[in-house]
Amino acid sequence: MVQTSPELSRSLQQYLETVHLLQQQRRVARVKEIAAHMGVQMPSVTGALKSLKQKGLVEHEKNSFVTLTAEGARIAQQLLRVHSVLQCFLENVLMVESEKAEHFAINMEHALDSETAERLCNSIKYFTTELSTKQQVTREQWIEILESRRTPCTICRPWHDT
């Protein structure tokens, strides 16, 4: 998980991210907008905000805007950074279609800490600059490699075709 203090559930992490994104888009976040963005009911948002407020991550009073505290913003930015790295890897290295990559990144981001995400980012940078330019592999050739290799990787655990 992203290095957080205090420990947050996946659900609370998603609320932090949503508040952060809404604040970026509209300068403020409202309970109704959070509910609409996440596809949940307003009482669920209220409960999550209460928990986040107790942890010192959001400011919120009844019938008021929701704002992130400095710590809440820091955690939200870390989460979004991990999401961005994962989506970049899926789209630019594994050549996963954008919508699918977004879906996978949302589900994977909560299991990856910031340090591992940074290593993944450095791997992406190396792969996309060093390897692709030195070996002059085109995008089309890389997609062919990704789709045509059916032998197990000697580094990873072997798998069985079903």
C-alpha atoms as a PDB file:
ATOM      1  CA  MET A   1       0.000   0.000   0.000  1.00  0.00           C
ATOM      2  CA  VAL A   2       0.988   3.594  -0.400  1.00  0.00           C
ATOM      3  CA  GLN A   3       2.920   4.728   2.633  1.00  0.00           C
ATOM      4  CA  THR A   4       0.277   6.412   4.700  1.00  0.00           C
ATOM      5  CA  SER A   5      -0.011   7.568   8.235  1.00  0.00           C
ATOM      6  CA  PRO A   6      -2.573   6.590   9.527  1.00  0.00           C
ATOM      7  CA  GLU A   7      -3.421   3.269   7.861  1.00  0.00           C
ATOM      8  CA  LEU A   8      -6.286   3.652   5.388  1.00  0.00           C
ATOM      9  CA  SER A   9      -8.577   1.127   3.788  1.00  0.00           C
ATOM     10  CA  ARG A  10      -8.790   0.960   0.024  1.00  0.00           C
ATOM     11  CA  SER A  11     -12.208   2.623   0.203  1.00  0.00           C
ATOM     12  CA  LEU A  12     -10.934   5.570   2.250  1.00  0.00           C
ATOM     13  CA  GLN A  13      -8.018   5.961  -0.129  1.00  0.00           C
ATOM     14  CA  GLN A  14     -10.504   6.235  -3.000  1.00  0.00           C
ATOM     15  CA  TYR A  15     -12.422   8.933  -1.138  1.00  0.00           C
ATOM     16  CA  LEU A  16      -9.210  10.913  -0.613  1.00  0.00           C
ATOM     17  CA  GLU A  17      -8.369  10.652  -4.300  1.00  0.00           C
ATOM     18  CA  THR A  18     -11.876  11.743  -5.286  1.00  0.00           C
ATOM     19  CA  VAL A  19     -11.833  14.783  -2.995  1.00  0.00           C
ATOM     20  CA  HIS A  20      -8.420  15.723  -4.402  1.00  0.00           C
ATOM     21  CA  LEU A  21      -9.594  15.388  -8.009  1.00  0.00           C
ATOM     22  CA  LEU A  22     -12.769  17.390  -7.360  1.00  0.00           C
ATOM     23  CA  GLN A  23     -10.781  20.114  -5.632  1.00  0.00           C
ATOM     24  CA  GLN A  24      -8.507  20.305  -8.669  1.00  0.00           C
ATOM     25  CA  GLN A  25     -11.453  20.480 -11.087  1.00  0.00           C
ATOM     26  CA  ARG A  26     -13.811  22.722  -9.136  1.00  0.00           C
ATOM     27  CA  ARG A  27     -11.649  24.171  -6.318  1.00  0.00           C
ATOM     28  CA  VAL A  28     -14.094  22.649  -3.801  1.00  0.00           C
ATOM     29  CA  ALA A  29     -15.681  19.258  -3.234  1.00  0.00           C
ATOM     30  CA  ARG A  30     -19.223  18.655  -2.053  1.00  0.00           C
ATOM     31  CA  VAL A  31     -20.744  15.479  -0.618  1.00  0.00           C
ATOM     32  CA  LYS A  32     -23.172  15.244  -3.544  1.00  0.00           C
ATOM     33  CA  GLU A  33     -20.348  15.540  -6.098  1.00  0.00           C
ATOM     34  CA  ILE A  34     -18.236  12.930  -4.307  1.00  0.00           C
ATOM     35  CA  ALA A  35     -21.203  10.538  -4.284  1.00  0.00           C
ATOM     36  CA  ALA A  36     -21.860  11.110  -7.998  1.00  0.00           C
ATOM     37  CA  HIS A  37     -18.207  10.697  -8.949  1.00  0.00           C
ATOM     38  CA  MET A  38     -17.825   7.462  -6.990  1.00  0.00           C
ATOM     39  CA  GLY A  39     -21.278   6.056  -7.749  1.00  0.00           C
ATOM     40  CA  VAL A  40     -22.254   5.733  -4.091  1.00  0.00           C
ATOM     41  CA  GLN A  41     -25.023   7.098  -1.879  1.00  0.00           C
ATOM     42  CA  MET A  42     -24.536  10.327   0.065  1.00  0.00           C
ATOM     43  CA  PRO A  43     -24.757   8.595   3.494  1.00  0.00           C
ATOM     44  CA  SER A  44     -21.768   6.449   2.471  1.00  0.00           C
ATOM     45  CA  VAL A  45     -19.808   9.602   1.665  1.00  0.00           C
ATOM     46  CA  THR A  46     -20.776  11.167   4.991  1.00  0.00           C
ATOM     47  CA  GLY A  47     -19.576   8.089   6.876  1.00  0.00           C
ATOM     48  CA  ALA A  48     -16.266   8.000   5.012  1.00  0.00           C
ATOM     49  CA  LEU A  49     -15.722  11.720   5.553  1.00  0.00           C
ATOM     50  CA  LYS A  50     -16.347  11.295   9.270  1.00  0.00           C
ATOM     51  CA  SER A  51     -13.641   8.630   9.399  1.00  0.00           C
ATOM     52  CA  LEU A  52     -11.233  10.711   7.330  1.00  0.00           C
ATOM     53  CA  LYS A  53     -11.896  13.734   9.530  1.00  0.00           C
ATOM     54  CA  GLN A  54     -11.124  11.683  12.663  1.00  0.00           C
ATOM     55  CA  LYS A  55      -7.810  10.729  11.069  1.00  0.00           C
ATOM     56  CA  GLY A  56      -7.049  14.399  10.375  1.00  0.00           C
ATOM     57  CA  LEU A  57      -7.154  14.032   6.586  1.00  0.00           C
ATOM     58  CA  VAL A  58     -10.172  16.173   5.651  1.00  0.00           C
ATOM     59  CA  GLU A  59     -12.024  19.197   6.928  1.00  0.00           C
ATOM     60  CA  HIS A  60     -15.793  18.932   6.707  1.00  0.00           C
ATOM     61  CA  GLU A  61     -18.767  20.315   8.567  1.00  0.00           C
ATOM     62  CA  LYS A  62     -22.374  19.403   7.836  1.00  0.00           C
ATOM     63  CA  ASN A  63     -23.713  21.244   4.751  1.00  0.00           C
ATOM     64  CA  SER A  64     -20.239  22.518   3.951  1.00  0.00           C
ATOM     65  CA  PHE A  65     -17.469  21.940   1.451  1.00  0.00           C
ATOM     66  CA  VAL A  66     -14.959  19.138   1.884  1.00  0.00           C
ATOM     67  CA  THR A  67     -11.284  20.051   1.850  1.00  0.00           C
ATOM     68  CA  LEU A  68      -8.167  18.001   2.339  1.00  0.00           C
ATOM     69  CA  THR A  69      -5.771  18.782   5.137  1.00  0.00           C
ATOM     70  CA  ALA A  70      -2.083  19.035   4.252  1.00  0.00           C
ATOM     71  CA  GLU A  71      -1.629  15.384   5.255  1.00  0.00           C
ATOM     72  CA  GLY A  72      -4.729  14.336   3.305  1.00  0.00           C
ATOM     73  CA  ALA A  73      -3.439  16.130   0.216  1.00  0.00           C
ATOM     74  CA  ARG A  74      -0.020  14.485   0.599  1.00  0.00           C
ATOM     75  CA  ILE A  75      -1.549  11.006   0.758  1.00  0.00           C
ATOM     76  CA  ALA A  76      -3.933  11.715  -2.142  1.00  0.00           C
ATOM     77  CA  GLN A  77      -1.042  12.931  -4.287  1.00  0.00           C
ATOM     78  CA  GLN A  78       0.948   9.771  -3.484  1.00  0.00           C
ATOM     79  CA  LEU A  79      -2.021   7.617  -4.454  1.00  0.00           C
ATOM     80  CA  LEU A  80      -2.507   9.488  -7.715  1.00  0.00           C
ATOM     81  CA  ARG A  81       1.204   9.220  -8.485  1.00  0.00           C
ATOM     82  CA  VAL A  82       1.104   5.429  -8.026  1.00  0.00           C
ATOM     83  CA  HIS A  83      -2.020   5.270 -10.217  1.00  0.00           C
ATOM     84  CA  SER A  84      -0.304   7.327 -12.909  1.00  0.00           C
ATOM     85  CA  VAL A  85       2.814   5.120 -12.898  1.00  0.00           C
ATOM     86  CA  LEU A  86       0.744   1.950 -13.158  1.00  0.00           C
ATOM     87  CA  GLN A  87      -1.373   3.333 -15.974  1.00  0.00           C
ATOM     88  CA  CYS A  88       1.751   4.487 -17.810  1.00  0.00           C
ATOM     89  CA  PHE A  89       3.316   1.028 -17.467  1.00  0.00           C
ATOM     90  CA  LEU A  90       0.190  -0.736 -18.670  1.00  0.00           C
ATOM     91  CA  GLU A  91      -0.280   1.572 -21.665  1.00  0.00           C
ATOM     92  CA  ASN A  92       3.318   2.202 -22.737  1.00  0.00           C
ATOM     93  CA  VAL A  93       5.100  -1.028 -21.884  1.00  0.00           C
ATOM     94  CA  LEU A  94       2.385  -3.678 -21.967  1.00  0.00           C
ATOM     95  CA  MET A  95       0.416  -1.814 -24.660  1.00  0.00           C
ATOM     96  CA  VAL A  96      -2.900  -2.248 -22.855  1.00  0.00           C
ATOM     97  CA  GLU A  97      -5.736  -0.161 -24.306  1.00  0.00           C
ATOM     98  CA  SER A  98      -6.253   3.083 -22.349  1.00  0.00           C
ATOM     99  CA  GLU A  99      -9.663   2.350 -20.795  1.00  0.00           C
ATOM    100  CA  LYS A 100      -8.587  -1.111 -19.727  1.00  0.00           C
ATOM    101  CA  ALA A 101      -5.313   0.276 -18.323  1.00  0.00           C
ATOM    102  CA  GLU A 102      -7.275   2.857 -16.308  1.00  0.00           C
ATOM    103  CA  HIS A 103      -9.487   0.111 -14.847  1.00  0.00           C
ATOM    104  CA  PHE A 104      -6.512  -2.076 -13.933  1.00  0.00           C
ATOM    105  CA  ALA A 105      -4.553   0.841 -12.463  1.00  0.00           C
ATOM    106  CA  ILE A 106      -7.484   1.717 -10.184  1.00  0.00           C
ATOM    107  CA  ASN A 107      -7.531  -1.836  -8.881  1.00  0.00           C
ATOM    108  CA  MET A 108      -3.754  -2.225  -8.571  1.00  0.00           C
ATOM    109  CA  GLU A 109      -2.780   1.136  -7.088  1.00  0.00           C
ATOM    110  CA  HIS A 110      -3.796   0.252  -3.543  1.00  0.00           C
ATOM    111  CA  ALA A 111      -1.425  -2.708  -3.410  1.00  0.00           C
ATOM    112  CA  LEU A 112       1.714  -0.801  -4.431  1.00  0.00           C
ATOM    113  CA  ASP A 113       3.790   1.399  -2.151  1.00  0.00           C
ATOM    114  CA  SER A 114       5.479   4.627  -3.253  1.00  0.00           C
ATOM    115  CA  GLU A 115       8.983   3.143  -3.306  1.00  0.00           C
ATOM    116  CA  THR A 116       7.968   0.277  -5.599  1.00  0.00           C
ATOM    117  CA  ALA A 117       6.025   2.678  -7.819  1.00  0.00           C
ATOM    118  CA  GLU A 118       9.139   4.841  -8.150  1.00  0.00           C
ATOM    119  CA  ARG A 119      11.185   1.798  -9.172  1.00  0.00           C
ATOM    120  CA  LEU A 120       8.519   0.899 -11.707  1.00  0.00           C
ATOM    121  CA  CYS A 121       8.610   4.457 -13.033  1.00  0.00           C
ATOM    122  CA  ASN A 122      12.407   4.272 -13.426  1.00  0.00           C
ATOM    123  CA  SER A 123      12.006   0.952 -15.247  1.00  0.00           C
ATOM    124  CA  ILE A 124       9.479   2.531 -17.607  1.00  0.00           C
ATOM    125  CA  LYS A 125      11.839   5.423 -18.307  1.00  0.00           C
ATOM    126  CA  TYR A 126      14.717   3.039 -18.968  1.00  0.00           C
ATOM    127  CA  PHE A 127      12.648   0.739 -21.132  1.00  0.00           C
ATOM    128  CA  THR A 128      11.046   3.453 -23.232  1.00  0.00           C
ATOM    129  CA  THR A 129      14.250   5.448 -23.776  1.00  0.00           C
ATOM    130  CA  GLU A 130      17.279   3.166 -23.525  1.00  0.00           C
ATOM    131  CA  LEU A 131      16.021  -0.170 -24.783  1.00  0.00           C
ATOM    132  CA  SER A 132      13.652   1.025 -27.463  1.00  0.00           C
ATOM    133  CA  THR A 133      16.150   3.488 -28.975  1.00  0.00           C
ATOM    134  CA  LYS A 134      19.236   1.250 -28.746  1.00  0.00           C
ATOM    135  CA  GLN A 135      17.487  -1.827 -30.083  1.00  0.00           C
ATOM    136  CA  GLN A 136      15.293   0.200 -32.430  1.00  0.00           C
ATOM    137  CA  VAL A 137      12.165  -1.808 -31.772  1.00  0.00           C
ATOM    138  CA  THR A 138       9.116  -0.176 -33.295  1.00  0.00           C
ATOM    139  CA  ARG A 139       5.783  -0.007 -31.509  1.00  0.00           C
ATOM    140  CA  GLU A 140       4.346  -2.561 -33.917  1.00  0.00           C
ATOM    141  CA  GLN A 141       7.268  -4.946 -33.366  1.00  0.00           C
ATOM    142  CA  TRP A 142       6.878  -4.622 -29.610  1.00  0.00           C
ATOM    143  CA  ILE A 143       3.161  -5.404 -29.794  1.00  0.00           C
ATOM    144  CA  GLU A 144       4.003  -8.476 -31.872  1.00  0.00           C
ATOM    145  CA  ILE A 145       6.519  -9.595 -29.233  1.00  0.00           C
ATOM    146  CA  LEU A 146       3.962  -9.099 -26.468  1.00  0.00           C
ATOM    147  CA  GLU A 147       1.235 -11.001 -28.274  1.00  0.00           C
ATOM    148  CA  SER A 148       3.239 -13.839 -29.795  1.00  0.00           C
ATOM    149  CA  ARG A 149       5.417 -15.113 -26.974  1.00  0.00           C
ATOM    150  CA  ARG A 150       3.859 -18.211 -25.420  1.00  0.00           C
ATOM    151  CA  THR A 151       6.876 -19.677 -23.635  1.00  0.00           C
ATOM    152  CA  PRO A 152       7.193 -19.089 -19.909  1.00  0.00           C
ATOM    153  CA  CYS A 153       9.582 -16.438 -18.684  1.00  0.00           C
ATOM    154  CA  THR A 154      12.675 -17.978 -17.140  1.00  0.00           C
ATOM    155  CA  ILE A 155      12.666 -15.288 -14.451  1.00  0.00           C
ATOM    156  CA  CYS A 156       8.999 -15.462 -13.432  1.00  0.00           C
ATOM    157  CA  ARG A 157       7.261 -18.526 -12.079  1.00  0.00           C
ATOM    158  CA  PRO A 158       6.102 -20.782 -14.920  1.00  0.00           C
ATOM    159  CA  TRP A 159       2.427 -20.846 -15.767  1.00  0.00           C
ATOM    160  CA  HIS A 160       0.255 -23.495 -17.315  1.00  0.00           C
ATOM    161  CA  ASP A 161      -1.978 -22.824 -20.314  1.00  0.00           C
ATOM    162  CA  THR A 162      -5.562 -23.761 -19.566  1.00  0.00           C
END
